[in-house]
Amino acid sequence: MRPLFLIGLPGVGKSTIGRLVAERLGLTFVDTDLFVESRYHASISSMVACCGIDKFRKRERVALLELLQEQDTLIATGGGLPIWEDNMDRMLAHGLVVYLRSPLDLLAERLYRVRATRPAVAEKTPSEVRDYLEAISEKREPYYSRAQVVVPIGHLRSAEEEREAAEQVIEAIRHHMEKEDA
């Protein structure tokens, strides 16, 4: 099976849902953020601080080019990966791209709760987190909307809600593959 890619804004649940979907479908799970951190022995925030965002995006792209060759793999991308160079084109050509979409207010609430683990929003107020998400959403939506599959994601406040979201993603993937085979 060609790779599956989960894309979406920060905090939408790409890693959380991705792990559950991969486990349920018997796929290998890869989080590109963790993959890049492991490859370069540094956190994303330290890579960006030391070398700049462009250097980090280039490293992220190298990782993507390697992962495109994988089979039976679900890849949760960093939120900005699809908008860099021709990354989205490559993902669409080599795999199935699934866009996890949540309302900005819901994402802002979720990101604010975990802001200590998210350098981009660590020092922001709730309204600043919302403004940040709105700004990046405007830039990223034209890329994200090209995904072959779009799945709305609601609250992820419990393990049960996470499992339900994973089942929605699996159902959407199956539906897309059935249409493709018809």
Foldseek 3Di string as FASTA:
>chain_A
DFEEEEEEAPQLQLPLLQVLLLVVVVAAEEELQVVLCVVVVHHPVVCCVVPNPVVVLVSSVVVLVVSLPDDRYYYYYHHCNQVPDNSLVSCVVRHAYEYEDEDLLQSLVRCVVVVCVPVVPVPPDSVVSSVVRVVVCVVCVVRSVPGPHYFYQDDDPDPVSSNVSSVSVVVRVVVSVVVVVD
